[in-house]
Protein backbone atom coordinates (compact mmCIF):
# COMPACT_ATOMS: atom_id res chain seq x y z
CA MET A 1 17.34 -27.34 -7.61
CA ASN A 2 20.65 -27.01 -9.44
CA GLN A 3 24.33 -27.58 -8.70
CA ASP A 4 27.84 -27.77 -10.07
CA ALA A 5 31.24 -28.60 -8.62
CA ASP A 6 31.38 -25.33 -6.63
CA GLY A 7 27.88 -24.77 -5.28
CA ALA A 8 24.13 -25.24 -5.47
CA ARG A 9 20.74 -23.57 -5.71
CA VAL A 10 18.61 -24.75 -2.79
CA GLY A 11 14.86 -24.30 -2.32
CA LEU A 12 13.27 -23.73 1.09
CA LEU A 13 10.06 -25.74 1.58
CA ALA A 14 7.85 -25.54 4.66
CA THR A 15 6.42 -28.94 5.59
CA GLN A 16 3.98 -27.39 8.11
CA ALA A 17 2.15 -24.09 8.57
CA LEU A 18 4.42 -21.35 9.93
CA LEU A 19 4.94 -18.96 11.59
CA LEU A 20 2.36 -19.94 14.16
CA SER A 21 2.12 -18.17 17.49
CA GLY A 22 5.13 -19.24 19.58
CA ASP A 23 7.17 -20.59 16.65
CA ASP A 24 10.92 -19.96 16.73
CA VAL A 25 12.40 -20.73 13.30
CA ARG A 26 16.20 -20.66 12.97
CA ILE A 27 18.09 -21.20 9.74
CA GLU A 28 21.87 -21.61 9.85
CA VAL A 29 23.86 -21.25 6.62
CA ASP A 30 27.58 -21.93 6.20
CA VAL A 31 29.02 -21.32 2.73
CA ALA A 32 32.46 -22.91 2.47
CA PRO A 33 35.41 -20.88 1.13
CA GLY A 34 35.25 -20.55 -2.64
CA ALA A 35 31.71 -21.95 -2.90
CA TRP A 36 28.45 -20.39 -4.08
CA LEU A 37 24.96 -20.85 -2.62
CA ASP A 38 21.70 -19.48 -4.01
CA VAL A 39 18.73 -19.82 -1.61
CA VAL A 40 15.26 -19.74 -3.15
CA GLU A 41 12.12 -19.30 -1.04
CA THR A 42 9.35 -21.14 -2.85
CA THR A 43 6.51 -19.36 -1.00
CA GLY A 44 6.00 -16.42 1.30
CA THR A 45 5.78 -16.66 5.09
CA VAL A 46 2.85 -15.53 7.26
CA ALA A 47 3.31 -14.71 10.94
CA TYR A 48 -0.14 -15.75 12.19
CA GLU A 49 -1.97 -14.08 15.07
CA GLY A 50 -1.63 -15.39 18.61
CA GLU A 51 -0.70 -14.47 22.15
CA ALA A 52 2.89 -15.81 22.11
CA PRO A 53 5.46 -13.93 19.97
CA SER A 54 7.01 -15.70 16.98
CA SER A 55 10.46 -15.30 15.43
CA TRP A 56 12.40 -15.99 12.23
CA THR A 57 16.21 -15.94 12.43
CA VAL A 58 18.80 -16.40 9.67
CA ASP A 59 22.41 -16.86 10.77
CA ALA A 60 24.85 -17.05 7.84
CA THR A 61 28.62 -17.35 7.48
CA VAL A 62 30.20 -16.79 4.05
CA GLY A 63 33.75 -18.05 3.59
CA ASP A 64 36.65 -16.40 1.79
CA GLY A 65 35.96 -16.13 -1.95
CA ALA A 66 32.42 -17.51 -1.50
CA ILE A 67 29.07 -15.93 -2.31
CA LEU A 68 25.59 -16.24 -0.81
CA THR A 69 22.52 -14.97 -2.66
CA TRP A 70 19.01 -15.08 -1.18
CA ALA A 71 15.86 -13.64 -2.76
CA GLY A 72 13.20 -13.63 -0.06
CA LYS A 73 9.47 -13.94 -0.64
CA PRO A 74 6.99 -11.71 1.26
CA PHE A 75 7.05 -11.97 5.06
CA VAL A 76 3.49 -11.09 6.11
CA VAL A 77 2.74 -9.89 9.64
CA SER A 78 -0.86 -10.62 10.67
CA ASP A 79 -2.93 -8.61 13.12
CA GLU A 80 -2.60 -9.39 16.82
CA ILE A 81 0.91 -10.86 16.70
CA ALA A 82 4.34 -9.67 17.80
CA THR A 83 7.04 -11.19 15.61
CA HIS A 84 10.80 -10.84 15.30
CA ARG A 85 12.81 -11.18 12.10
CA ARG A 86 16.59 -11.25 12.53
CA THR A 87 19.37 -11.66 9.97
CA ARG A 88 23.02 -12.08 10.92
CA ILE A 89 25.73 -12.34 8.26
CA ARG A 90 29.48 -12.79 8.71
CA LEU A 91 31.77 -12.38 5.70
CA GLN A 92 35.24 -13.89 5.77
CA GLY A 93 38.00 -12.58 3.50
CA THR A 94 36.56 -11.66 0.09
CA GLY A 95 33.20 -13.33 0.72
CA ARG A 96 30.07 -11.63 -0.62
CA ALA A 97 26.35 -11.75 0.15
CA LEU A 98 23.24 -10.47 -1.61
CA MET A 99 19.95 -10.51 0.32
CA GLN A 100 16.40 -9.37 -0.49
CA GLU A 101 13.78 -9.01 2.24
CA LYS A 102 10.10 -8.25 1.52
CA ILE A 103 7.89 -7.14 4.41
CA VAL A 104 4.09 -6.81 4.25
CA LEU A 105 2.28 -5.44 7.29
CA GLY A 106 -1.09 -7.13 7.52
CA ARG A 107 -3.00 -9.64 5.45
CA ALA A 108 -5.87 -8.47 3.26
CA GLY A 109 -7.97 -5.95 5.19
CA GLN A 110 -5.54 -5.83 8.13
CA LEU A 111 -3.09 -3.24 9.50
CA GLY A 112 -0.57 -5.78 10.73
CA GLY A 113 0.81 -6.51 14.17
CA ASP A 114 4.11 -5.54 15.79
CA LEU A 115 7.34 -6.29 13.92
CA ASN A 116 10.91 -6.04 15.14
CA MET A 117 13.34 -6.42 12.24
CA SER A 118 17.14 -6.38 12.48
CA LEU A 119 20.20 -6.90 10.29
CA GLU A 120 23.71 -7.37 11.63
CA ALA A 121 26.40 -7.78 8.95
CA SER A 122 30.14 -7.85 9.53
CA ASP A 123 33.43 -8.84 7.89
CA ASP A 124 36.98 -9.38 9.12
CA THR A 125 37.36 -5.66 9.82
CA GLY A 126 34.14 -5.16 11.78
CA PRO A 127 30.49 -4.13 11.24
CA LEU A 128 29.32 -3.47 7.68
CA GLN A 129 25.65 -2.76 8.28
CA VAL A 130 23.74 -2.75 11.57
CA GLU A 131 20.06 -1.85 11.52
CA CYS A 132 17.11 -2.36 13.85
CA LEU A 133 13.58 -1.39 12.81
CA GLU A 134 10.96 -1.22 15.54
CA LEU A 135 7.74 -1.37 13.53
CA GLY A 136 5.08 -1.75 16.18
CA GLN A 137 1.65 -0.28 15.45
CA GLU A 138 2.21 2.72 17.71
CA ALA A 139 5.66 3.46 16.28
CA ARG A 140 4.39 3.23 12.68
CA ARG A 141 1.84 5.98 13.33
CA MET A 142 4.49 8.44 14.53
CA PRO A 143 5.43 11.29 12.16
CA GLY A 144 8.09 10.38 9.64
CA ILE A 145 7.88 6.60 10.12
CA LEU A 146 5.48 4.63 7.88
CA GLY A 147 2.00 6.10 8.33
CA ASN A 148 -0.34 4.13 6.07
CA LEU A 149 2.48 2.39 4.17
CA ARG A 150 2.36 -1.39 4.49
CA SER A 151 5.21 -2.74 2.36
CA LEU A 152 9.01 -2.61 2.45
CA ASP A 153 11.34 -4.24 -0.05
CA THR A 154 15.07 -4.11 0.70
CA VAL A 155 18.01 -5.38 -1.37
CA THR A 156 21.35 -5.46 0.47
CA ALA A 157 24.72 -6.17 -1.16
CA LEU A 158 27.67 -6.90 1.12
CA GLY A 159 31.32 -7.31 0.13
CA TRP A 160 31.16 -5.07 -2.94
CA THR A 161 29.37 -1.85 -3.88
CA PRO A 162 27.15 -2.23 -6.97
CA GLU A 163 25.50 0.71 -8.67
CA PRO A 164 21.69 0.92 -9.00
CA THR A 165 20.22 -0.28 -12.27
CA GLY A 166 18.87 3.25 -12.78
CA GLU A 167 18.71 6.38 -10.72
CA PRO A 168 15.61 5.83 -8.55
CA GLU A 169 13.53 8.96 -8.58
CA ALA A 170 11.58 9.38 -5.36
CA GLY A 171 7.87 8.76 -5.79
CA THR A 172 8.01 7.05 -9.19
CA THR A 173 6.92 3.59 -7.99
CA GLY A 174 5.85 4.39 -4.43
CA PRO A 175 6.16 7.05 -1.74
CA GLY A 176 9.86 6.33 -1.30
CA GLU A 177 12.83 4.69 -3.01
CA THR A 178 16.28 5.05 -1.46
CA HIS A 179 19.70 3.85 -2.61
CA PHE A 180 22.79 4.38 -0.52
CA PRO A 181 26.29 2.90 -0.50
CA LEU A 182 27.59 1.70 2.83
CA ASP A 183 30.61 3.29 4.50
CA ARG A 184 32.67 0.31 3.39
CA SER A 185 31.92 -2.38 0.80
CA GLY A 186 28.18 -2.67 0.34
CA ALA A 187 25.00 -0.99 -0.86
CA VAL A 188 21.31 -0.94 0.10
CA LEU A 189 18.23 -0.25 -2.03
CA ARG A 190 14.90 0.13 -0.22
CA TRP A 191 11.40 0.67 -1.54
CA MET A 192 8.37 1.61 0.58
CA GLY A 193 4.78 1.60 -0.57
CA ILE A 194 1.12 0.80 0.09
CA GLY A 195 1.15 -2.60 -1.65
CA ARG A 196 4.07 -4.80 -2.63
CA PHE A 197 2.80 -5.44 -6.16
CA ARG A 198 3.43 -1.77 -6.96
CA ASP A 199 7.18 -2.31 -6.53
CA ARG A 200 8.91 -2.48 -9.92
CA LEU A 201 12.35 -1.54 -8.62
CA CYS A 202 13.81 -4.05 -6.16
CA ASP A 203 13.21 -7.29 -8.08
CA ALA A 204 14.96 -5.88 -11.15
CA THR A 205 17.80 -4.58 -8.99
CA PHE A 206 18.26 -7.94 -7.24
CA THR A 207 18.41 -9.69 -10.62
CA ALA A 208 20.98 -7.24 -11.97
CA TRP A 209 23.15 -7.37 -8.84
CA HIS A 210 22.88 -11.17 -8.76
CA GLU A 211 24.11 -11.44 -12.35
CA GLU A 212 26.97 -9.03 -11.61
CA ALA A 213 28.03 -10.88 -8.47
CA MET A 214 27.95 -14.32 -10.13
CA ARG A 215 29.81 -13.02 -13.19
CA ASP A 216 32.59 -11.68 -10.95
CA TYR A 217 32.58 -14.95 -8.98
CA ARG A 218 32.97 -17.06 -12.15
CA HIS A 219 35.73 -14.78 -13.42
CA ARG A 220 37.69 -15.01 -10.16
CA HIS A 221 37.41 -18.78 -10.08
CA ALA A 222 38.44 -19.15 -13.71
CA THR A 223 41.49 -16.98 -13.02
CA GLN A 224 42.44 -19.02 -9.94
CA ARG A 225 42.19 -22.29 -11.88
CA LEU A 226 44.20 -20.88 -14.77
CA ARG A 227 47.19 -19.92 -12.63
CA PRO A 228 48.11 -23.45 -11.51
CA ALA A 229 47.67 -24.72 -15.07
CA GLN A 230 50.02 -22.03 -16.40
CA ALA A 231 52.59 -22.86 -13.71
CA GLU A 232 52.57 -26.56 -14.69
CA THR A 233 53.29 -25.78 -18.37
CA ARG A 234 56.30 -23.60 -17.66
CA PRO A 235 59.69 -25.22 -18.37
């Protein structure tokens, strides 16, 4: 979709219907050291009903000084399907990643099937964020889980700790908005609600964090290029 000498914006296009029952989709991403990659999902993904479970796995490696940004479209879980969504990210050196994941439980008029969703992120030191959400129908009805909520929108920054665009006040756009910095470099913003179109928080946050991350990336690269040039001009 767009590119320069250091990276590219790439669109994901499905050439067939997915996720059908039994589908196992795996996407491997390797961002070279010093490069940037912006992944754009052109449409949402529906996990269709069926007897055999389906799965969607993203496995990404981000090199030293590189950055990966990925704004996901809605991942819709139909009735009568068990589906797995896994994301694994490995940061090397000063690599950074910014991910947005939108989950919708059920198509129109549905409650949605069983979803297992996990994120495993690490850097050279060790784990940054490890999370596993078991969102089966029975689990969702338990006290303190989701109840009648059907949508989750999560923005995760890894490799640096950005501040929220504004202090999210619980209940202003949905039953719950939560921002928390990770123990080390990273931050997570999550919104939960009845319908995804009520979310006015996560898209704006992703845009702001994306601009911040790319601004820092450009600045670091300009500084690195300037140093050799200055060394060559010295007597």
